[in-house]
Amino acid sequence: MVQSALVWLFLNAVFAGFAAVAVAAYYADEGEPDFISAALAAVFAGTCVELGMANGYLPDGVLPTAVVGGCIVVALVSLAVGVQRNQTAFQAFRGDARTR
């Protein structure tokens, strides 16, 4: 029987990779990072570390816990910046549409 922990670790790693590629592709195209995708990458990376610790694949210590905490901080800050930038862009677009 397949251990489901490895399946979840793999899926979270794949999602983190997709989000990281999305950040890199957006940065290459626009010249600025996609903060929402960066938040998703941080969440999935932190989930991988946490699942690894919970299932005994990583030692339960200070370093993995600090990595998870760092991922949480990066995710929250990236999400806040991304939402604020999207709202500002939407308001600018909406204001421009009314003046035409």
PDB file of N, CA and C in Angstrom:
ATOM      1  N   MET A   1       0.835  -1.175   0.000  1.00  0.00           N
ATOM      2  CA  MET A   1       0.000   0.000   0.000  1.00  0.00           C
ATOM      3  C   MET A   1       0.889   1.250   0.000  1.00  0.00           C
ATOM      4  N   VAL A   2       0.498   2.234  -0.750  1.00  0.00           N
ATOM      5  CA  VAL A   2       1.263   3.473  -0.864  1.00  0.00           C
ATOM      6  C   VAL A   2       0.991   4.343   0.357  1.00  0.00           C
ATOM      7  N   GLN A   3       2.061   4.885   0.918  1.00  0.00           N
ATOM      8  CA  GLN A   3       1.881   5.799   2.039  1.00  0.00           C
ATOM      9  C   GLN A   3       1.376   7.139   1.520  1.00  0.00           C
ATOM     10  N   SER A   4       0.284   7.589   2.076  1.00  0.00           N
ATOM     11  CA  SER A   4      -0.313   8.825   1.570  1.00  0.00           C
ATOM     12  C   SER A   4       0.532  10.056   1.909  1.00  0.00           C
ATOM     13  N   ALA A   5       1.381   9.974   2.928  1.00  0.00           N
ATOM     14  CA  ALA A   5       2.227  11.120   3.276  1.00  0.00           C
ATOM     15  C   ALA A   5       3.165  11.471   2.127  1.00  0.00           C
ATOM     16  N   LEU A   6       3.716  10.461   1.485  1.00  0.00           N
ATOM     17  CA  LEU A   6       4.608  10.725   0.350  1.00  0.00           C
ATOM     18  C   LEU A   6       3.849  11.332  -0.819  1.00  0.00           C
ATOM     19  N   VAL A   7       2.617  10.898  -1.012  1.00  0.00           N
ATOM     20  CA  VAL A   7       1.796  11.463  -2.086  1.00  0.00           C
ATOM     21  C   VAL A   7       1.527  12.941  -1.814  1.00  0.00           C
ATOM     22  N   TRP A   8       1.155  13.269  -0.576  1.00  0.00           N
ATOM     23  CA  TRP A   8       0.892  14.659  -0.229  1.00  0.00           C
ATOM     24  C   TRP A   8       2.153  15.508  -0.307  1.00  0.00           C
ATOM     25  N   LEU A   9       3.275  14.964   0.124  1.00  0.00           N
ATOM     26  CA  LEU A   9       4.539  15.693   0.001  1.00  0.00           C
ATOM     27  C   LEU A   9       4.860  15.982  -1.462  1.00  0.00           C
ATOM     28  N   PHE A  10       4.679  14.981  -2.306  1.00  0.00           N
ATOM     29  CA  PHE A  10       4.953  15.154  -3.728  1.00  0.00           C
ATOM     30  C   PHE A  10       4.020  16.197  -4.343  1.00  0.00           C
ATOM     31  N   LEU A  11       2.725  16.116  -4.033  1.00  0.00           N
ATOM     32  CA  LEU A  11       1.773  17.080  -4.593  1.00  0.00           C
ATOM     33  C   LEU A  11       2.089  18.508  -4.148  1.00  0.00           C
ATOM     34  N   ASN A  12       2.415  18.683  -2.878  1.00  0.00           N
ATOM     35  CA  ASN A  12       2.759  20.020  -2.402  1.00  0.00           C
ATOM     36  C   ASN A  12       4.045  20.521  -3.037  1.00  0.00           C
ATOM     37  N   ALA A  13       5.007  19.638  -3.243  1.00  0.00           N
ATOM     38  CA  ALA A  13       6.253  20.035  -3.909  1.00  0.00           C
ATOM     39  C   ALA A  13       5.986  20.440  -5.359  1.00  0.00           C
ATOM     40  N   VAL A  14       5.108  19.712  -6.031  1.00  0.00           N
ATOM     41  CA  VAL A  14       4.757  20.054  -7.417  1.00  0.00           C
ATOM     42  C   VAL A  14       4.059  21.410  -7.467  1.00  0.00           C
ATOM     43  N   PHE A  15       3.102  21.634  -6.553  1.00  0.00           N
ATOM     44  CA  PHE A  15       2.405  22.919  -6.528  1.00  0.00           C
ATOM     45  C   PHE A  15       3.360  24.067  -6.200  1.00  0.00           C
ATOM     46  N   ALA A  16       4.290  23.843  -5.283  1.00  0.00           N
ATOM     47  CA  ALA A  16       5.286  24.873  -4.959  1.00  0.00           C
ATOM     48  C   ALA A  16       6.158  25.165  -6.178  1.00  0.00           C
ATOM     49  N   GLY A  17       6.524  24.124  -6.908  1.00  0.00           N
ATOM     50  CA  GLY A  17       7.319  24.315  -8.117  1.00  0.00           C
ATOM     51  C   GLY A  17       6.571  25.085  -9.187  1.00  0.00           C
ATOM     52  N   PHE A  18       5.293  24.737  -9.396  1.00  0.00           N
ATOM     53  CA  PHE A  18       4.482  25.468 -10.376  1.00  0.00           C
ATOM     54  C   PHE A  18       4.352  26.941  -9.998  1.00  0.00           C
ATOM     55  N   ALA A  19       4.127  27.211  -8.721  1.00  0.00           N
ATOM     56  CA  ALA A  19       3.994  28.598  -8.279  1.00  0.00           C
ATOM     57  C   ALA A  19       5.315  29.352  -8.440  1.00  0.00           C
ATOM     58  N   ALA A  20       6.432  28.697  -8.148  1.00  0.00           N
ATOM     59  CA  ALA A  20       7.738  29.341  -8.314  1.00  0.00           C
ATOM     60  C   ALA A  20       8.024  29.628  -9.787  1.00  0.00           C
ATOM     61  N   VAL A  21       7.660  28.709 -10.662  1.00  0.00           N
ATOM     62  CA  VAL A  21       7.827  28.934 -12.101  1.00  0.00           C
ATOM     63  C   VAL A  21       6.928  30.077 -12.562  1.00  0.00           C
ATOM     64  N   ALA A  22       5.716  30.161 -12.009  1.00  0.00           N
ATOM     65  CA  ALA A  22       4.814  31.263 -12.361  1.00  0.00           C
ATOM     66  C   ALA A  22       5.399  32.605 -11.939  1.00  0.00           C
ATOM     67  N   VAL A  23       6.019  32.651 -10.772  1.00  0.00           N
ATOM     68  CA  VAL A  23       6.662  33.892 -10.313  1.00  0.00           C
ATOM     69  C   VAL A  23       7.804  34.264 -11.250  1.00  0.00           C
ATOM     70  N   ALA A  24       8.622  33.286 -11.610  1.00  0.00           N
ATOM     71  CA  ALA A  24       9.763  33.552 -12.493  1.00  0.00           C
ATOM     72  C   ALA A  24       9.307  33.982 -13.882  1.00  0.00           C
ATOM     73  N   ALA A  25       8.289  33.329 -14.411  1.00  0.00           N
ATOM     74  CA  ALA A  25       7.794  33.676 -15.745  1.00  0.00           C
ATOM     75  C   ALA A  25       7.177  35.071 -15.755  1.00  0.00           C
ATOM     76  N   TYR A  26       6.420  35.381 -14.730  1.00  0.00           N
ATOM     77  CA  TYR A  26       5.808  36.712 -14.647  1.00  0.00           C
ATOM     78  C   TYR A  26       6.882  37.784 -14.501  1.00  0.00           C
ATOM     79  N   TYR A  27       7.904  37.492 -13.695  1.00  0.00           N
ATOM     80  CA  TYR A  27       8.995  38.450 -13.513  1.00  0.00           C
ATOM     81  C   TYR A  27       9.758  38.660 -14.819  1.00  0.00           C
ATOM     82  N   ALA A  28       9.982  37.588 -15.564  1.00  0.00           N
ATOM     83  CA  ALA A  28      10.692  37.712 -16.839  1.00  0.00           C
ATOM     84  C   ALA A  28       9.881  38.522 -17.842  1.00  0.00           C
ATOM     85  N   ASP A  29       8.557  38.406 -17.780  1.00  0.00           N
ATOM     86  CA  ASP A  29       7.693  39.096 -18.733  1.00  0.00           C
ATOM     87  C   ASP A  29       7.409  40.544 -18.322  1.00  0.00           C
ATOM     88  N   GLU A  30       7.103  40.762 -17.049  1.00  0.00           N
ATOM     89  CA  GLU A  30       6.656  42.076 -16.587  1.00  0.00           C
ATOM     90  C   GLU A  30       7.731  42.896 -15.884  1.00  0.00           C
ATOM     91  N   GLY A  31       8.784  42.240 -15.393  1.00  0.00           N
ATOM     92  CA  GLY A  31       9.826  42.956 -14.675  1.00  0.00           C
ATOM     93  C   GLY A  31       9.532  43.176 -13.203  1.00  0.00           C
ATOM     94  N   GLU A  32       8.462  42.587 -12.706  1.00  0.00           N
ATOM     95  CA  GLU A  32       8.133  42.644 -11.281  1.00  0.00           C
ATOM     96  C   GLU A  32       7.520  41.304 -10.887  1.00  0.00           C
ATOM     97  N   PRO A  33       7.702  40.897  -9.644  1.00  0.00           N
ATOM     98  CA  PRO A  33       7.196  39.572  -9.246  1.00  0.00           C
ATOM     99  C   PRO A  33       5.678  39.549  -9.109  1.00  0.00           C
ATOM    100  N   ASP A  34       5.119  38.372  -9.293  1.00  0.00           N
ATOM    101  CA  ASP A  34       3.699  38.134  -9.040  1.00  0.00           C
ATOM    102  C   ASP A  34       3.578  37.728  -7.576  1.00  0.00           C
ATOM    103  N   PHE A  35       3.097  38.626  -6.753  1.00  0.00           N
ATOM    104  CA  PHE A  35       3.107  38.406  -5.313  1.00  0.00           C
ATOM    105  C   PHE A  35       2.124  37.326  -4.872  1.00  0.00           C
ATOM    106  N   ILE A  36       1.025  37.164  -5.579  1.00  0.00           N
ATOM    107  CA  ILE A  36       0.055  36.127  -5.215  1.00  0.00           C
ATOM    108  C   ILE A  36       0.667  34.745  -5.453  1.00  0.00           C
ATOM    109  N   SER A  37       1.331  34.555  -6.569  1.00  0.00           N
ATOM    110  CA  SER A  37       2.000  33.278  -6.833  1.00  0.00           C
ATOM    111  C   SER A  37       3.147  33.042  -5.856  1.00  0.00           C
ATOM    112  N   ALA A  38       3.830  34.103  -5.467  1.00  0.00           N
ATOM    113  CA  ALA A  38       4.897  33.964  -4.468  1.00  0.00           C
ATOM    114  C   ALA A  38       4.328  33.521  -3.128  1.00  0.00           C
ATOM    115  N   ALA A  39       3.159  34.039  -2.771  1.00  0.00           N
ATOM    116  CA  ALA A  39       2.508  33.613  -1.529  1.00  0.00           C
ATOM    117  C   ALA A  39       2.131  32.139  -1.604  1.00  0.00           C
ATOM    118  N   LEU A  40       1.610  31.713  -2.744  1.00  0.00           N
ATOM    119  CA  LEU A  40       1.263  30.294  -2.909  1.00  0.00           C
ATOM    120  C   LEU A  40       2.501  29.409  -2.840  1.00  0.00           C
ATOM    121  N   ALA A  41       3.586  29.845  -3.462  1.00  0.00           N
ATOM    122  CA  ALA A  41       4.823  29.059  -3.408  1.00  0.00           C
ATOM    123  C   ALA A  41       5.316  28.926  -1.972  1.00  0.00           C
ATOM    124  N   ALA A  42       5.233  30.000  -1.202  1.00  0.00           N
ATOM    125  CA  ALA A  42       5.668  29.942   0.198  1.00  0.00           C
ATOM    126  C   ALA A  42       4.779  29.022   1.021  1.00  0.00           C
ATOM    127  N   VAL A  43       3.474  29.073   0.778  1.00  0.00           N
ATOM    128  CA  VAL A  43       2.549  28.201   1.518  1.00  0.00           C
ATOM    129  C   VAL A  43       2.835  26.740   1.218  1.00  0.00           C
ATOM    130  N   PHE A  44       2.987  26.403  -0.047  1.00  0.00           N
ATOM    131  CA  PHE A  44       3.218  25.000  -0.405  1.00  0.00           C
ATOM    132  C   PHE A  44       4.600  24.526   0.048  1.00  0.00           C
ATOM    133  N   ALA A  45       5.601  25.395  -0.004  1.00  0.00           N
ATOM    134  CA  ALA A  45       6.929  25.005   0.484  1.00  0.00           C
ATOM    135  C   ALA A  45       6.904  24.778   1.992  1.00  0.00           C
ATOM    136  N   GLY A  46       6.238  25.656   2.712  1.00  0.00           N
ATOM    137  CA  GLY A  46       6.107  25.467   4.153  1.00  0.00           C
ATOM    138  C   GLY A  46       5.334  24.210   4.500  1.00  0.00           C
ATOM    139  N   THR A  47       4.324  23.905   3.702  1.00  0.00           N
ATOM    140  CA  THR A  47       3.553  22.678   3.917  1.00  0.00           C
ATOM    141  C   THR A  47       4.416  21.449   3.699  1.00  0.00           C
ATOM    142  N   CYS A  48       5.287  21.489   2.711  1.00  0.00           N
ATOM    143  CA  CYS A  48       6.198  20.358   2.478  1.00  0.00           C
ATOM    144  C   CYS A  48       7.103  20.128   3.683  1.00  0.00           C
ATOM    145  N   VAL A  49       7.657  21.199   4.216  1.00  0.00           N
ATOM    146  CA  VAL A  49       8.544  21.061   5.376  1.00  0.00           C
ATOM    147  C   VAL A  49       7.762  20.544   6.575  1.00  0.00           C
ATOM    148  N   GLU A  50       6.577  21.081   6.794  1.00  0.00           N
ATOM    149  CA  GLU A  50       5.766  20.656   7.940  1.00  0.00           C
ATOM    150  C   GLU A  50       5.338  19.196   7.809  1.00  0.00           C
ATOM    151  N   LEU A  51       4.933  18.787   6.622  1.00  0.00           N
ATOM    152  CA  LEU A  51       4.576  17.377   6.413  1.00  0.00           C
ATOM    153  C   LEU A  51       5.787  16.470   6.583  1.00  0.00           C
ATOM    154  N   GLY A  52       6.937  16.935   6.139  1.00  0.00           N
ATOM    155  CA  GLY A  52       8.153  16.151   6.328  1.00  0.00           C
ATOM    156  C   GLY A  52       8.495  15.965   7.791  1.00  0.00           C
ATOM    157  N   MET A  53       8.311  17.013   8.589  1.00  0.00           N
ATOM    158  CA  MET A  53       8.563  16.888  10.030  1.00  0.00           C
ATOM    159  C   MET A  53       7.514  16.000  10.693  1.00  0.00           C
ATOM    160  N   ALA A  54       6.257  16.166  10.317  1.00  0.00           N
ATOM    161  CA  ALA A  54       5.181  15.408  10.961  1.00  0.00           C
ATOM    162  C   ALA A  54       5.290  13.916  10.692  1.00  0.00           C
ATOM    163  N   ASN A  55       5.842  13.549   9.545  1.00  0.00           N
ATOM    164  CA  ASN A  55       5.932  12.136   9.184  1.00  0.00           C
ATOM    165  C   ASN A  55       7.319  11.548   9.395  1.00  0.00           C
ATOM    166  N   GLY A  56       8.219  12.304   9.998  1.00  0.00           N
ATOM    167  CA  GLY A  56       9.524  11.773  10.350  1.00  0.00           C
ATOM    168  C   GLY A  56      10.560  11.798   9.247  1.00  0.00           C
ATOM    169  N   TYR A  57      10.274  12.443   8.133  1.00  0.00           N
ATOM    170  CA  TYR A  57      11.256  12.528   7.056  1.00  0.00           C
ATOM    171  C   TYR A  57      12.289  13.617   7.324  1.00  0.00           C
ATOM    172  N   LEU A  58      11.932  14.622   8.107  1.00  0.00           N
ATOM    173  CA  LEU A  58      12.846  15.681   8.528  1.00  0.00           C
ATOM    174  C   LEU A  58      12.907  15.675  10.052  1.00  0.00           C
ATOM    175  N   PRO A  59      14.069  15.994  10.613  1.00  0.00           N
ATOM    176  CA  PRO A  59      14.144  16.025  12.082  1.00  0.00           C
ATOM    177  C   PRO A  59      13.323  17.188  12.637  1.00  0.00           C
ATOM    178  N   ASP A  60      12.676  16.932  13.746  1.00  0.00           N
ATOM    179  CA  ASP A  60      11.880  17.969  14.395  1.00  0.00           C
ATOM    180  C   ASP A  60      12.812  18.839  15.224  1.00  0.00           C
ATOM    181  N   GLY A  61      13.169  19.980  14.668  1.00  0.00           N
ATOM    182  CA  GLY A  61      14.126  20.845  15.349  1.00  0.00           C
ATOM    183  C   GLY A  61      13.835  22.303  15.103  1.00  0.00           C
ATOM    184  N   VAL A  62      14.807  23.122  15.468  1.00  0.00           N
ATOM    185  CA  VAL A  62      14.642  24.565  15.369  1.00  0.00           C
ATOM    186  C   VAL A  62      14.677  25.027  13.913  1.00  0.00           C
ATOM    187  N   LEU A  63      15.583  24.485  13.113  1.00  0.00           N
ATOM    188  CA  LEU A  63      15.735  24.945  11.736  1.00  0.00           C
ATOM    189  C   LEU A  63      14.485  24.697  10.887  1.00  0.00           C
ATOM    190  N   PRO A  64      13.933  23.474  10.845  1.00  0.00           N
ATOM    191  CA  PRO A  64      12.709  23.297  10.050  1.00  0.00           C
ATOM    192  C   PRO A  64      11.536  24.138  10.561  1.00  0.00           C
ATOM    193  N   THR A  65      11.450  24.305  11.872  1.00  0.00           N
ATOM    194  CA  THR A  65      10.380  25.132  12.428  1.00  0.00           C
ATOM    195  C   THR A  65      10.566  26.590  12.019  1.00  0.00           C
ATOM    196  N   ALA A  66      11.806  27.058  12.004  1.00  0.00           N
ATOM    197  CA  ALA A  66      12.087  28.424  11.565  1.00  0.00           C
ATOM    198  C   ALA A  66      11.781  28.597  10.081  1.00  0.00           C
ATOM    199  N   VAL A  67      12.054  27.567   9.283  1.00  0.00           N
ATOM    200  CA  VAL A  67      11.742  27.627   7.851  1.00  0.00           C
ATOM    201  C   VAL A  67      10.236  27.746   7.647  1.00  0.00           C
ATOM    202  N   VAL A  68       9.465  26.958   8.387  1.00  0.00           N
ATOM    203  CA  VAL A  68       8.003  27.032   8.279  1.00  0.00           C
ATOM    204  C   VAL A  68       7.513  28.410   8.713  1.00  0.00           C
ATOM    205  N   GLY A  69       8.063  28.935   9.803  1.00  0.00           N
ATOM    206  CA  GLY A  69       7.688  30.280  10.243  1.00  0.00           C
ATOM    207  C   GLY A  69       8.037  31.335   9.211  1.00  0.00           C
ATOM    208  N   GLY A  70       9.202  31.198   8.591  1.00  0.00           N
ATOM    209  CA  GLY A  70       9.586  32.120   7.525  1.00  0.00           C
ATOM    210  C   GLY A  70       8.659  32.043   6.329  1.00  0.00           C
ATOM    211  N   CYS A  71       8.249  30.837   5.987  1.00  0.00           N
ATOM    212  CA  CYS A  71       7.303  30.666   4.877  1.00  0.00           C
ATOM    213  C   CYS A  71       5.966  31.329   5.184  1.00  0.00           C
ATOM    214  N   ILE A  72       5.530  31.229   6.438  1.00  0.00           N
ATOM    215  CA  ILE A  72       4.271  31.866   6.824  1.00  0.00           C
ATOM    216  C   ILE A  72       4.377  33.385   6.701  1.00  0.00           C
ATOM    217  N   VAL A  73       5.488  33.942   7.174  1.00  0.00           N
ATOM    218  CA  VAL A  73       5.681  35.393   7.096  1.00  0.00           C
ATOM    219  C   VAL A  73       5.749  35.848   5.644  1.00  0.00           C
ATOM    220  N   VAL A  74       6.510  35.130   4.819  1.00  0.00           N
ATOM    221  CA  VAL A  74       6.625  35.481   3.400  1.00  0.00           C
ATOM    222  C   VAL A  74       5.263  35.396   2.717  1.00  0.00           C
ATOM    223  N   ALA A  75       4.497  34.363   3.032  1.00  0.00           N
ATOM    224  CA  ALA A  75       3.179  34.202   2.418  1.00  0.00           C
ATOM    225  C   ALA A  75       2.245  35.344   2.800  1.00  0.00           C
ATOM    226  N   LEU A  76       2.218  35.707   4.071  1.00  0.00           N
ATOM    227  CA  LEU A  76       1.322  36.781   4.508  1.00  0.00           C
ATOM    228  C   LEU A  76       1.714  38.130   3.915  1.00  0.00           C
ATOM    229  N   VAL A  77       3.011  38.429   3.910  1.00  0.00           N
ATOM    230  CA  VAL A  77       3.466  39.706   3.352  1.00  0.00           C
ATOM    231  C   VAL A  77       3.232  39.748   1.844  1.00  0.00           C
ATOM    232  N   SER A  78       3.540  38.659   1.147  1.00  0.00           N
ATOM    233  CA  SER A  78       3.330  38.616  -0.302  1.00  0.00           C
ATOM    234  C   SER A  78       1.856  38.749  -0.652  1.00  0.00           C
ATOM    235  N   LEU A  79       1.011  38.086   0.110  1.00  0.00           N
ATOM    236  CA  LEU A  79      -0.424  38.179  -0.144  1.00  0.00           C
ATOM    237  C   LEU A  79      -0.925  39.599   0.088  1.00  0.00           C
ATOM    238  N   ALA A  80      -0.485  40.230   1.165  1.00  0.00           N
ATOM    239  CA  ALA A  80      -0.922  41.598   1.451  1.00  0.00           C
ATOM    240  C   ALA A  80      -0.459  42.567   0.369  1.00  0.00           C
ATOM    241  N   VAL A  81       0.791  42.448  -0.047  1.00  0.00           N
ATOM    242  CA  VAL A  81       1.313  43.338  -1.093  1.00  0.00           C
ATOM    243  C   VAL A  81       0.611  43.070  -2.420  1.00  0.00           C
ATOM    244  N   GLY A  82       0.393  41.803  -2.745  1.00  0.00           N
ATOM    245  CA  GLY A  82      -0.274  41.461  -3.996  1.00  0.00           C
ATOM    246  C   GLY A  82      -1.702  41.955  -4.056  1.00  0.00           C
ATOM    247  N   VAL A  83      -2.435  41.808  -2.971  1.00  0.00           N
ATOM    248  CA  VAL A  83      -3.823  42.282  -2.945  1.00  0.00           C
ATOM    249  C   VAL A  83      -3.865  43.800  -3.044  1.00  0.00           C
ATOM    250  N   GLN A  84      -2.970  44.477  -2.337  1.00  0.00           N
ATOM    251  CA  GLN A  84      -2.949  45.933  -2.395  1.00  0.00           C
ATOM    252  C   GLN A  84      -2.611  46.424  -3.801  1.00  0.00           C
ATOM    253  N   ARG A  85      -1.648  45.781  -4.443  1.00  0.00           N
ATOM    254  CA  ARG A  85      -1.266  46.191  -5.805  1.00  0.00           C
ATOM    255  C   ARG A  85      -2.390  45.923  -6.792  1.00  0.00           C
ATOM    256  N   ASN A  86      -3.084  44.790  -6.628  1.00  0.00           N
ATOM    257  CA  ASN A  86      -4.194  44.485  -7.530  1.00  0.00           C
ATOM    258  C   ASN A  86      -5.342  45.464  -7.338  1.00  0.00           C
ATOM    259  N   GLN A  87      -5.634  45.854  -6.101  1.00  0.00           N
ATOM    260  CA  GLN A  87      -6.697  46.826  -5.858  1.00  0.00           C
ATOM    261  C   GLN A  87      -6.336  48.182  -6.438  1.00  0.00           C
ATOM    262  N   THR A  88      -5.081  48.590  -6.286  1.00  0.00           N
ATOM    263  CA  THR A  88      -4.641  49.868  -6.836  1.00  0.00           C
ATOM    264  C   THR A  88      -4.728  49.856  -8.355  1.00  0.00           C
ATOM    265  N   ALA A  89      -4.316  48.762  -8.964  1.00  0.00           N
ATOM    266  CA  ALA A  89      -4.381  48.656 -10.423  1.00  0.00           C
ATOM    267  C   ALA A  89      -5.824  48.659 -10.899  1.00  0.00           C
ATOM    268  N   PHE A  90      -6.709  47.981 -10.171  1.00  0.00           N
ATOM    269  CA  PHE A  90      -8.115  47.951 -10.563  1.00  0.00           C
ATOM    270  C   PHE A  90      -8.737  49.336 -10.443  1.00  0.00           C
ATOM    271  N   GLN A  91      -8.411  50.061  -9.379  1.00  0.00           N
ATOM    272  CA  GLN A  91      -8.952  51.406  -9.212  1.00  0.00           C
ATOM    273  C   GLN A  91      -8.442  52.337 -10.301  1.00  0.00           C
ATOM    274  N   ALA A  92      -7.179  52.211 -10.672  1.00  0.00           N
ATOM    275  CA  ALA A  92      -6.629  53.042 -11.741  1.00  0.00           C
ATOM    276  C   ALA A  92      -7.293  52.714 -13.068  1.00  0.00           C
ATOM    277  N   PHE A  93      -7.517  51.429 -13.318  1.00  0.00           N
ATOM    278  CA  PHE A  93      -8.173  51.017 -14.557  1.00  0.00           C
ATOM    279  C   PHE A  93      -9.606  51.528 -14.584  1.00  0.00           C
ATOM    280  N   ARG A  94     -10.290  51.404 -13.484  1.00  0.00           N
ATOM    281  CA  ARG A  94     -11.677  51.827 -13.406  1.00  0.00           C
ATOM    282  C   ARG A  94     -11.790  53.345 -13.537  1.00  0.00           C
ATOM    283  N   GLY A  95     -10.890  54.082 -12.939  1.00  0.00           N
ATOM    284  CA  GLY A  95     -10.910  55.536 -13.055  1.00  0.00           C
ATOM    285  C   GLY A  95     -10.611  55.992 -14.467  1.00  0.00           C
ATOM    286  N   ASP A  96      -9.718  55.285 -15.147  1.00  0.00           N
ATOM    287  CA  ASP A  96      -9.386  55.613 -16.526  1.00  0.00           C
ATOM    288  C   ASP A  96     -10.569  55.331 -17.437  1.00  0.00           C
ATOM    289  N   ALA A  97     -11.339  54.302 -17.145  1.00  0.00           N
ATOM    290  CA  ALA A  97     -12.477  53.948 -17.990  1.00  0.00           C
ATOM    291  C   ALA A  97     -13.575  55.005 -17.891  1.00  0.00           C
ATOM    292  N   ARG A  98     -13.726  55.657 -16.739  1.00  0.00           N
ATOM    293  CA  ARG A  98     -14.780  56.658 -16.576  1.00  0.00           C
ATOM    294  C   ARG A  98     -14.461  57.958 -17.304  1.00  0.00           C
ATOM    295  N   THR A  99     -13.206  58.264 -17.508  1.00  0.00           N
ATOM    296  CA  THR A  99     -12.857  59.533 -18.136  1.00  0.00           C
ATOM    297  C   THR A  99     -12.978  59.485 -19.646  1.00  0.00           C
ATOM    298  N   ARG A 100     -13.159  58.348 -20.201  1.00  0.00           N
ATOM    299  CA  ARG A 100     -13.243  58.249 -21.670  1.00  0.00           C
ATOM    300  C   ARG A 100     -14.583  58.648 -22.180  1.00  0.00           C
TER     301      ARG A 100
END
